[in-house]
PDB file of N, CA and C in Angstrom:
ATOM      1  N   MET A   1       8.975  -4.616  16.820  1.00  0.00           N
ATOM      2  CA  MET A   1       8.291  -4.059  15.672  1.00  0.00           C
ATOM      3  C   MET A   1       6.789  -4.136  15.944  1.00  0.00           C
ATOM      4  N   SER A   2       6.108  -3.002  15.857  1.00  0.00           N
ATOM      5  CA  SER A   2       4.667  -2.989  16.054  1.00  0.00           C
ATOM      6  C   SER A   2       3.978  -2.730  14.712  1.00  0.00           C
ATOM      7  N   GLU A   3       2.714  -3.124  14.634  1.00  0.00           N
ATOM      8  CA  GLU A   3       1.965  -2.954  13.393  1.00  0.00           C
ATOM      9  C   GLU A   3       0.594  -2.407  13.703  1.00  0.00           C
ATOM     10  N   GLU A   4       0.102  -1.542  12.837  1.00  0.00           N
ATOM     11  CA  GLU A   4      -1.216  -0.959  12.966  1.00  0.00           C
ATOM     12  C   GLU A   4      -1.899  -1.055  11.612  1.00  0.00           C
ATOM     13  N   LYS A   5      -3.197  -1.326  11.596  1.00  0.00           N
ATOM     14  CA  LYS A   5      -3.937  -1.436  10.342  1.00  0.00           C
ATOM     15  C   LYS A   5      -4.845  -0.235  10.184  1.00  0.00           C
ATOM     16  N   ILE A   6      -4.799   0.408   9.010  1.00  0.00           N
ATOM     17  CA  ILE A   6      -5.597   1.594   8.730  1.00  0.00           C
ATOM     18  C   ILE A   6      -6.269   1.397   7.372  1.00  0.00           C
ATOM     19  N   VAL A   7      -7.500   1.839   7.266  1.00  0.00           N
ATOM     20  CA  VAL A   7      -8.245   1.722   6.013  1.00  0.00           C
ATOM     21  C   VAL A   7      -8.611   3.116   5.535  1.00  0.00           C
ATOM     22  N   PHE A   8      -8.366   3.397   4.251  1.00  0.00           N
ATOM     23  CA  PHE A   8      -8.856   4.632   3.660  1.00  0.00           C
ATOM     24  C   PHE A   8      -9.228   4.357   2.213  1.00  0.00           C
ATOM     25  N   GLN A   9     -10.042   5.228   1.649  1.00  0.00           N
ATOM     26  CA  GLN A   9     -10.522   5.039   0.283  1.00  0.00           C
ATOM     27  C   GLN A   9      -9.559   5.707  -0.689  1.00  0.00           C
ATOM     28  N   CYS A  10      -9.186   4.969  -1.715  1.00  0.00           N
ATOM     29  CA  CYS A  10      -8.298   5.500  -2.751  1.00  0.00           C
ATOM     30  C   CYS A  10      -9.136   6.282  -3.751  1.00  0.00           C
ATOM     31  N   ASP A  11      -8.670   7.457  -4.123  1.00  0.00           N
ATOM     32  CA  ASP A  11      -9.434   8.269  -5.070  1.00  0.00           C
ATOM     33  C   ASP A  11      -8.629   8.594  -6.327  1.00  0.00           C
ATOM     34  N   HIS A  12      -7.714   7.701  -6.681  1.00  0.00           N
ATOM     35  CA  HIS A  12      -6.872   7.911  -7.856  1.00  0.00           C
ATOM     36  C   HIS A  12      -7.248   6.897  -8.931  1.00  0.00           C
ATOM     37  N   ILE A  13      -7.698   7.389 -10.073  1.00  0.00           N
ATOM     38  CA  ILE A  13      -8.145   6.519 -11.155  1.00  0.00           C
ATOM     39  C   ILE A  13      -6.979   5.693 -11.678  1.00  0.00           C
ATOM     40  N   GLY A  14      -7.181   4.374 -11.728  1.00  0.00           N
ATOM     41  CA  GLY A  14      -6.171   3.455 -12.238  1.00  0.00           C
ATOM     42  C   GLY A  14      -5.433   2.699 -11.156  1.00  0.00           C
ATOM     43  N   VAL A  15      -5.527   3.178  -9.911  1.00  0.00           N
ATOM     44  CA  VAL A  15      -4.851   2.528  -8.793  1.00  0.00           C
ATOM     45  C   VAL A  15      -5.892   2.252  -7.712  1.00  0.00           C
ATOM     46  N   ALA A  16      -5.968   1.003  -7.281  1.00  0.00           N
ATOM     47  CA  ALA A  16      -6.926   0.634  -6.240  1.00  0.00           C
ATOM     48  C   ALA A  16      -6.243  -0.249  -5.210  1.00  0.00           C
ATOM     49  N   GLY A  17      -6.558  -0.031  -3.962  1.00  0.00           N
ATOM     50  CA  GLY A  17      -6.004  -0.849  -2.894  1.00  0.00           C
ATOM     51  C   GLY A  17      -6.601  -2.248  -2.912  1.00  0.00           C
ATOM     52  N   ILE A  18      -5.744  -3.251  -2.764  1.00  0.00           N
ATOM     53  CA  ILE A  18      -6.216  -4.642  -2.680  1.00  0.00           C
ATOM     54  C   ILE A  18      -5.998  -5.204  -1.278  1.00  0.00           C
ATOM     55  N   THR A  19      -5.360  -4.414  -0.427  1.00  0.00           N
ATOM     56  CA  THR A  19      -5.171  -4.769   0.977  1.00  0.00           C
ATOM     57  C   THR A  19      -5.535  -3.548   1.802  1.00  0.00           C
ATOM     58  N   ASP A  20      -5.679  -3.735   3.088  1.00  0.00           N
ATOM     59  CA  ASP A  20      -5.754  -2.597   3.987  1.00  0.00           C
ATOM     60  C   ASP A  20      -4.375  -1.960   4.037  1.00  0.00           C
ATOM     61  N   VAL A  21      -4.311  -0.741   4.523  1.00  0.00           N
ATOM     62  CA  VAL A  21      -3.026  -0.099   4.756  1.00  0.00           C
ATOM     63  C   VAL A  21      -2.455  -0.677   6.045  1.00  0.00           C
ATOM     64  N   HIS A  22      -1.217  -1.128   5.979  1.00  0.00           N
ATOM     65  CA  HIS A  22      -0.520  -1.638   7.154  1.00  0.00           C
ATOM     66  C   HIS A  22       0.585  -0.658   7.500  1.00  0.00           C
ATOM     67  N   VAL A  23       0.741  -0.382   8.782  1.00  0.00           N
ATOM     68  CA  VAL A  23       1.782   0.539   9.252  1.00  0.00           C
ATOM     69  C   VAL A  23       2.674  -0.202  10.225  1.00  0.00           C
ATOM     70  N   ARG A  24       3.962  -0.086   9.991  1.00  0.00           N
ATOM     71  CA  ARG A  24       4.943  -0.698  10.897  1.00  0.00           C
ATOM     72  C   ARG A  24       5.893   0.369  11.407  1.00  0.00           C
ATOM     73  N   HIS A  25       6.326   0.178  12.637  1.00  0.00           N
ATOM     74  CA  HIS A  25       7.316   1.059  13.237  1.00  0.00           C
ATOM     75  C   HIS A  25       8.665   0.372  13.081  1.00  0.00           C
ATOM     76  N   VAL A  26       9.535   0.964  12.262  1.00  0.00           N
ATOM     77  CA  VAL A  26      10.818   0.354  11.933  1.00  0.00           C
ATOM     78  C   VAL A  26      11.925   1.392  12.093  1.00  0.00           C
ATOM     79  N   ASP A  27      12.920   1.059  12.872  1.00  0.00           N
ATOM     80  CA  ASP A  27      14.093   1.929  13.052  1.00  0.00           C
ATOM     81  C   ASP A  27      13.712   3.365  13.410  1.00  0.00           C
ATOM     82  N   GLY A  28      12.734   3.521  14.297  1.00  0.00           N
ATOM     83  CA  GLY A  28      12.363   4.851  14.767  1.00  0.00           C
ATOM     84  C   GLY A  28      11.445   5.627  13.846  1.00  0.00           C
ATOM     85  N   LYS A  29      11.045   5.043  12.731  1.00  0.00           N
ATOM     86  CA  LYS A  29      10.133   5.709  11.794  1.00  0.00           C
ATOM     87  C   LYS A  29       8.946   4.799  11.532  1.00  0.00           C
ATOM     88  N   TYR A  30       7.923   5.383  10.912  1.00  0.00           N
ATOM     89  CA  TYR A  30       6.740   4.613  10.534  1.00  0.00           C
ATOM     90  C   TYR A  30       6.732   4.402   9.032  1.00  0.00           C
ATOM     91  N   LYS A  31       6.418   3.178   8.637  1.00  0.00           N
ATOM     92  CA  LYS A  31       6.311   2.845   7.219  1.00  0.00           C
ATOM     93  C   LYS A  31       4.893   2.337   6.976  1.00  0.00           C
ATOM     94  N   ALA A  32       4.194   3.003   6.063  1.00  0.00           N
ATOM     95  CA  ALA A  32       2.840   2.602   5.679  1.00  0.00           C
ATOM     96  C   ALA A  32       2.912   1.964   4.295  1.00  0.00           C
ATOM     97  N   ARG A  33       2.192   0.873   4.113  1.00  0.00           N
ATOM     98  CA  ARG A  33       2.226   0.171   2.821  1.00  0.00           C
ATOM     99  C   ARG A  33       0.837  -0.389   2.520  1.00  0.00           C
ATOM    100  N   VAL A  34       0.470  -0.364   1.247  1.00  0.00           N
ATOM    101  CA  VAL A  34      -0.793  -0.930   0.783  1.00  0.00           C
ATOM    102  C   VAL A  34      -0.545  -1.659  -0.531  1.00  0.00           C
ATOM    103  N   GLY A  35      -1.116  -2.832  -0.657  1.00  0.00           N
ATOM    104  CA  GLY A  35      -1.063  -3.558  -1.924  1.00  0.00           C
ATOM    105  C   GLY A  35      -2.031  -2.910  -2.899  1.00  0.00           C
ATOM    106  N   ILE A  36      -1.652  -2.839  -4.172  1.00  0.00           N
ATOM    107  CA  ILE A  36      -2.501  -2.159  -5.154  1.00  0.00           C
ATOM    108  C   ILE A  36      -2.722  -2.994  -6.411  1.00  0.00           C
ATOM    109  N   ALA A  37      -3.858  -2.725  -7.030  1.00  0.00           N
ATOM    110  CA  ALA A  37      -4.135  -3.207  -8.383  1.00  0.00           C
ATOM    111  C   ALA A  37      -3.927  -2.021  -9.315  1.00  0.00           C
ATOM    112  N   ILE A  38      -3.335  -2.274 -10.455  1.00  0.00           N
ATOM    113  CA  ILE A  38      -3.136  -1.230 -11.453  1.00  0.00           C
ATOM    114  C   ILE A  38      -4.064  -1.532 -12.616  1.00  0.00           C
ATOM    115  N   MET A  39      -4.963  -0.593 -12.879  1.00  0.00           N
ATOM    116  CA  MET A  39      -5.989  -0.764 -13.918  1.00  0.00           C
ATOM    117  C   MET A  39      -6.758  -2.069 -13.706  1.00  0.00           C
ATOM    118  N   GLY A  40      -6.977  -2.402 -12.435  1.00  0.00           N
ATOM    119  CA  GLY A  40      -7.751  -3.586 -12.090  1.00  0.00           C
ATOM    120  C   GLY A  40      -6.993  -4.893 -12.135  1.00  0.00           C
ATOM    121  N   SER A  41      -5.712  -4.849 -12.458  1.00  0.00           N
ATOM    122  CA  SER A  41      -4.925  -6.078 -12.582  1.00  0.00           C
ATOM    123  C   SER A  41      -4.037  -6.295 -11.362  1.00  0.00           C
ATOM    124  N   THR A  42      -3.965  -7.549 -10.939  1.00  0.00           N
ATOM    125  CA  THR A  42      -3.088  -7.934  -9.835  1.00  0.00           C
ATOM    126  C   THR A  42      -2.225  -9.108 -10.270  1.00  0.00           C
ATOM    127  N   ASN A  43      -1.170  -9.331  -9.549  1.00  0.00           N
ATOM    128  CA  ASN A  43      -0.293 -10.472  -9.805  1.00  0.00           C
ATOM    129  C   ASN A  43      -0.678 -11.673  -8.951  1.00  0.00           C
ATOM    130  N   MET A  44      -1.348 -11.416  -7.834  1.00  0.00           N
ATOM    131  CA  MET A  44      -1.703 -12.479  -6.893  1.00  0.00           C
ATOM    132  C   MET A  44      -3.214 -12.703  -6.914  1.00  0.00           C
ATOM    133  N   SER A  45      -3.605 -13.941  -6.727  1.00  0.00           N
ATOM    134  CA  SER A  45      -5.031 -14.263  -6.634  1.00  0.00           C
ATOM    135  C   SER A  45      -5.537 -13.936  -5.240  1.00  0.00           C
ATOM    136  N   ASP A  46      -6.852 -13.882  -5.092  1.00  0.00           N
ATOM    137  CA  ASP A  46      -7.428 -13.632  -3.779  1.00  0.00           C
ATOM    138  C   ASP A  46      -7.023 -14.725  -2.792  1.00  0.00           C
ATOM    139  N   GLU A  47      -6.927 -15.957  -3.262  1.00  0.00           N
ATOM    140  CA  GLU A  47      -6.515 -17.065  -2.393  1.00  0.00           C
ATOM    141  C   GLU A  47      -5.088 -16.863  -1.889  1.00  0.00           C
ATOM    142  N   GLU A  48      -4.198 -16.409  -2.788  1.00  0.00           N
ATOM    143  CA  GLU A  48      -2.813 -16.162  -2.390  1.00  0.00           C
ATOM    144  C   GLU A  48      -2.730 -15.010  -1.379  1.00  0.00           C
ATOM    145  N   LEU A  49      -3.522 -13.963  -1.615  1.00  0.00           N
ATOM    146  CA  LEU A  49      -3.538 -12.839  -0.676  1.00  0.00           C
ATOM    147  C   LEU A  49      -4.095 -13.262   0.677  1.00  0.00           C
ATOM    148  N   LYS A  50      -5.136 -14.068   0.643  1.00  0.00           N
ATOM    149  CA  LYS A  50      -5.739 -14.545   1.891  1.00  0.00           C
ATOM    150  C   LYS A  50      -4.731 -15.384   2.685  1.00  0.00           C
ATOM    151  N   ALA A  51      -3.931 -16.195   1.993  1.00  0.00           N
ATOM    152  CA  ALA A  51      -2.943 -17.062   2.648  1.00  0.00           C
ATOM    153  C   ALA A  51      -1.889 -16.255   3.413  1.00  0.00           C
ATOM    154  N   ILE A  52      -1.641 -15.022   2.995  1.00  0.00           N
ATOM    155  CA  ILE A  52      -0.674 -14.165   3.697  1.00  0.00           C
ATOM    156  C   ILE A  52      -1.388 -13.077   4.494  1.00  0.00           C
ATOM    157  N   ASN A  53      -2.680 -13.285   4.717  1.00  0.00           N
ATOM    158  CA  ASN A  53      -3.500 -12.367   5.518  1.00  0.00           C
ATOM    159  C   ASN A  53      -3.518 -10.945   4.947  1.00  0.00           C
ATOM    160  N   TYR A  54      -3.457 -10.850   3.613  1.00  0.00           N
ATOM    161  CA  TYR A  54      -3.520  -9.550   2.919  1.00  0.00           C
ATOM    162  C   TYR A  54      -2.495  -8.558   3.457  1.00  0.00           C
ATOM    163  N   ASP A  55      -1.326  -9.053   3.806  1.00  0.00           N
ATOM    164  CA  ASP A  55      -0.283  -8.230   4.424  1.00  0.00           C
ATOM    165  C   ASP A  55       0.773  -7.849   3.390  1.00  0.00           C
ATOM    166  N   PRO A  56       0.825  -6.586   2.968  1.00  0.00           N
ATOM    167  CA  PRO A  56       1.814  -6.180   1.962  1.00  0.00           C
ATOM    168  C   PRO A  56       3.256  -6.187   2.469  1.00  0.00           C
ATOM    169  N   PHE A  57       3.464  -6.389   3.773  1.00  0.00           N
ATOM    170  CA  PHE A  57       4.817  -6.529   4.313  1.00  0.00           C
ATOM    171  C   PHE A  57       5.271  -7.992   4.362  1.00  0.00           C
ATOM    172  N   HIS A  58       4.365  -8.915   4.149  1.00  0.00           N
ATOM    173  CA  HIS A  58       4.674 -10.344   4.251  1.00  0.00           C
ATOM    174  C   HIS A  58       5.695 -10.732   3.181  1.00  0.00           C
ATOM    175  N   ASP A  59       6.620 -11.619   3.530  1.00  0.00           N
ATOM    176  CA  ASP A  59       7.634 -12.082   2.568  1.00  0.00           C
ATOM    177  C   ASP A  59       7.006 -12.726   1.337  1.00  0.00           C
ATOM    178  N   GLY A  60       5.812 -13.285   1.479  1.00  0.00           N
ATOM    179  CA  GLY A  60       5.135 -13.930   0.358  1.00  0.00           C
ATOM    180  C   GLY A  60       4.341 -12.982  -0.516  1.00  0.00           C
ATOM    181  N   PHE A  61       4.316 -11.695  -0.172  1.00  0.00           N
ATOM    182  CA  PHE A  61       3.576 -10.714  -0.978  1.00  0.00           C
ATOM    183  C   PHE A  61       4.350 -10.458  -2.261  1.00  0.00           C
ATOM    184  N   GLN A  62       3.731 -10.775  -3.379  1.00  0.00           N
ATOM    185  CA  GLN A  62       4.382 -10.646  -4.690  1.00  0.00           C
ATOM    186  C   GLN A  62       3.523  -9.818  -5.637  1.00  0.00           C
ATOM    187  N   ASP A  63       3.137  -8.641  -5.212  1.00  0.00           N
ATOM    188  CA  ASP A  63       2.277  -7.789  -6.031  1.00  0.00           C
ATOM    189  C   ASP A  63       2.769  -6.357  -5.926  1.00  0.00           C
ATOM    190  N   ASN A  64       2.098  -5.464  -6.626  1.00  0.00           N
ATOM    191  CA  ASN A  64       2.456  -4.053  -6.598  1.00  0.00           C
ATOM    192  C   ASN A  64       2.009  -3.439  -5.278  1.00  0.00           C
ATOM    193  N   PHE A  65       2.746  -2.432  -4.830  1.00  0.00           N
ATOM    194  CA  PHE A  65       2.374  -1.731  -3.607  1.00  0.00           C
ATOM    195  C   PHE A  65       2.854  -0.293  -3.670  1.00  0.00           C
ATOM    196  N   CYS A  66       2.244   0.525  -2.850  1.00  0.00           N
ATOM    197  CA  CYS A  66       2.706   1.884  -2.620  1.00  0.00           C
ATOM    198  C   CYS A  66       3.057   1.970  -1.148  1.00  0.00           C
ATOM    199  N   GLU A  67       3.977   2.896  -0.820  1.00  0.00           N
ATOM    200  CA  GLU A  67       4.358   3.037   0.578  1.00  0.00           C
ATOM    201  C   GLU A  67       4.769   4.457   0.882  1.00  0.00           C
ATOM    202  N   GLY A  68       4.774   4.746   2.167  1.00  0.00           N
ATOM    203  CA  GLY A  68       5.203   6.054   2.638  1.00  0.00           C
ATOM    204  C   GLY A  68       5.950   5.899   3.935  1.00  0.00           C
ATOM    205  N   LEU A  69       6.880   6.797   4.179  1.00  0.00           N
ATOM    206  CA  LEU A  69       7.710   6.768   5.378  1.00  0.00           C
ATOM    207  C   LEU A  69       7.552   8.104   6.091  1.00  0.00           C
ATOM    208  N   GLY A  70       7.457   8.071   7.413  1.00  0.00           N
ATOM    209  CA  GLY A  70       7.324   9.314   8.154  1.00  0.00           C
ATOM    210  C   GLY A  70       7.709   9.163   9.610  1.00  0.00           C
ATOM    211  N   ALA A  71       7.891  10.293  10.258  1.00  0.00           N
ATOM    212  CA  ALA A  71       8.232  10.308  11.678  1.00  0.00           C
ATOM    213  C   ALA A  71       7.020   9.938  12.531  1.00  0.00           C
ATOM    214  N   THR A  72       5.821  10.130  11.988  1.00  0.00           N
ATOM    215  CA  THR A  72       4.577   9.766  12.673  1.00  0.00           C
ATOM    216  C   THR A  72       3.739   8.906  11.727  1.00  0.00           C
ATOM    217  N   VAL A  73       2.726   8.268  12.275  1.00  0.00           N
ATOM    218  CA  VAL A  73       1.811   7.481  11.441  1.00  0.00           C
ATOM    219  C   VAL A  73       1.146   8.391  10.413  1.00  0.00           C
ATOM    220  N   GLU A  74       0.738   9.568  10.844  1.00  0.00           N
ATOM    221  CA  GLU A  74       0.066  10.507   9.939  1.00  0.00           C
ATOM    222  C   GLU A  74       0.975  10.908   8.779  1.00  0.00           C
ATOM    223  N   GLU A  75       2.250  11.177   9.064  1.00  0.00           N
ATOM    224  CA  GLU A  75       3.205  11.522   8.004  1.00  0.00           C
ATOM    225  C   GLU A  75       3.393  10.353   7.042  1.00  0.00           C
ATOM    226  N   ALA A  76       3.472   9.157   7.579  1.00  0.00           N
ATOM    227  CA  ALA A  76       3.634   7.975   6.726  1.00  0.00           C
ATOM    228  C   ALA A  76       2.419   7.791   5.819  1.00  0.00           C
ATOM    229  N   ILE A  77       1.223   8.025   6.343  1.00  0.00           N
ATOM    230  CA  ILE A  77       0.001   7.896   5.548  1.00  0.00           C
ATOM    231  C   ILE A  77      -0.029   8.979   4.466  1.00  0.00           C
ATOM    232  N   ARG A  78       0.344  10.205   4.819  1.00  0.00           N
ATOM    233  CA  ARG A  78       0.387  11.277   3.803  1.00  0.00           C
ATOM    234  C   ARG A  78       1.370  10.921   2.691  1.00  0.00           C
ATOM    235  N   ALA A  79       2.528  10.405   3.062  1.00  0.00           N
ATOM    236  CA  ALA A  79       3.531  10.014   2.058  1.00  0.00           C
ATOM    237  C   ALA A  79       3.006   8.856   1.205  1.00  0.00           C
ATOM    238  N   LEU A  80       2.287   7.930   1.815  1.00  0.00           N
ATOM    239  CA  LEU A  80       1.688   6.817   1.076  1.00  0.00           C
ATOM    240  C   LEU A  80       0.683   7.334   0.067  1.00  0.00           C
ATOM    241  N   LYS A  81      -0.181   8.249   0.478  1.00  0.00           N
ATOM    242  CA  LYS A  81      -1.181   8.819  -0.434  1.00  0.00           C
ATOM    243  C   LYS A  81      -0.504   9.553  -1.590  1.00  0.00           C
ATOM    244  N   LEU A  82       0.589  10.245  -1.306  1.00  0.00           N
ATOM    245  CA  LEU A  82       1.335  10.925  -2.369  1.00  0.00           C
ATOM    246  C   LEU A  82       1.919   9.906  -3.344  1.00  0.00           C
ATOM    247  N   ASP A  83       2.455   8.805  -2.827  1.00  0.00           N
ATOM    248  CA  ASP A  83       2.997   7.753  -3.681  1.00  0.00           C
ATOM    249  C   ASP A  83       1.897   7.173  -4.579  1.00  0.00           C
ATOM    250  N   MET A  84       0.699   6.969  -4.010  1.00  0.00           N
ATOM    251  CA  MET A  84      -0.422   6.448  -4.799  1.00  0.00           C
ATOM    252  C   MET A  84      -0.817   7.442  -5.890  1.00  0.00           C
ATOM    253  N   LYS A  85      -0.833   8.736  -5.559  1.00  0.00           N
ATOM    254  CA  LYS A  85      -1.178   9.758  -6.556  1.00  0.00           C
ATOM    255  C   LYS A  85      -0.148   9.780  -7.674  1.00  0.00           C
ATOM    256  N   GLN A  86       1.129   9.719  -7.303  1.00  0.00           N
ATOM    257  CA  GLN A  86       2.183   9.727  -8.323  1.00  0.00           C
ATOM    258  C   GLN A  86       2.086   8.492  -9.213  1.00  0.00           C
ATOM    259  N   MET A  87       1.767   7.351  -8.614  1.00  0.00           N
ATOM    260  CA  MET A  87       1.587   6.120  -9.392  1.00  0.00           C
ATOM    261  C   MET A  87       0.431   6.287 -10.374  1.00  0.00           C
ATOM    262  N   ALA A  88      -0.692   6.790  -9.882  1.00  0.00           N
ATOM    263  CA  ALA A  88      -1.870   6.973 -10.743  1.00  0.00           C
ATOM    264  C   ALA A  88      -1.588   7.990 -11.837  1.00  0.00           C
ATOM    265  N   ASP A  89      -0.952   9.109 -11.482  1.00  0.00           N
ATOM    266  CA  ASP A  89      -0.630  10.119 -12.473  1.00  0.00           C
ATOM    267  C   ASP A  89       0.272   9.582 -13.564  1.00  0.00           C
ATOM    268  N   SER A  90       1.190   8.692 -13.193  1.00  0.00           N
ATOM    269  CA  SER A  90       2.126   8.146 -14.182  1.00  0.00           C
ATOM    270  C   SER A  90       1.415   7.267 -15.219  1.00  0.00           C
ATOM    271  N   LEU A  91       0.244   6.764 -14.867  1.00  0.00           N
ATOM    272  CA  LEU A  91      -0.520   5.927 -15.820  1.00  0.00           C
ATOM    273  C   LEU A  91      -1.113   6.741 -16.942  1.00  0.00           C
ATOM    274  N   TRP A  92      -1.277   8.033 -16.726  1.00  0.00           N
ATOM    275  CA  TRP A  92      -1.965   8.882 -17.688  1.00  0.00           C
ATOM    276  C   TRP A  92      -1.038   9.832 -18.422  1.00  0.00           C
ATOM    277  N   VAL A  93       0.277   9.713 -18.233  1.00  0.00           N
ATOM    278  CA  VAL A  93       1.238  10.565 -18.927  1.00  0.00           C
ATOM    279  C   VAL A  93       1.336  10.116 -20.381  1.00  0.00           C
ATOM    280  N   MET A  94       1.260  11.060 -21.263  1.00  0.00           N
ATOM    281  CA  MET A  94       1.361  10.708 -22.702  1.00  0.00           C
ATOM    282  C   MET A  94       2.451  11.475 -23.373  1.00  0.00           C
TER     283      MET A  94
END
């Protein structure tokens, strides 16, 4: 299993990344994941995140996240961004 770290800026109101984007190659596909705060709220403290090296794949990660799956890293990142947009959009549905 290999891992790659990618950083991008979130542009969806209500959802903010609290970790870098981590990408893992699993079962022939790429999975991208980022820990998120919703409306500025998190479940984990900065100390807790630091203890797990801000890794949203870590077994000790107990917060919200978005993820994407793809045949390439780029596809996984696009799917992740779509998941973040859908999450943000769902906050504003009335």
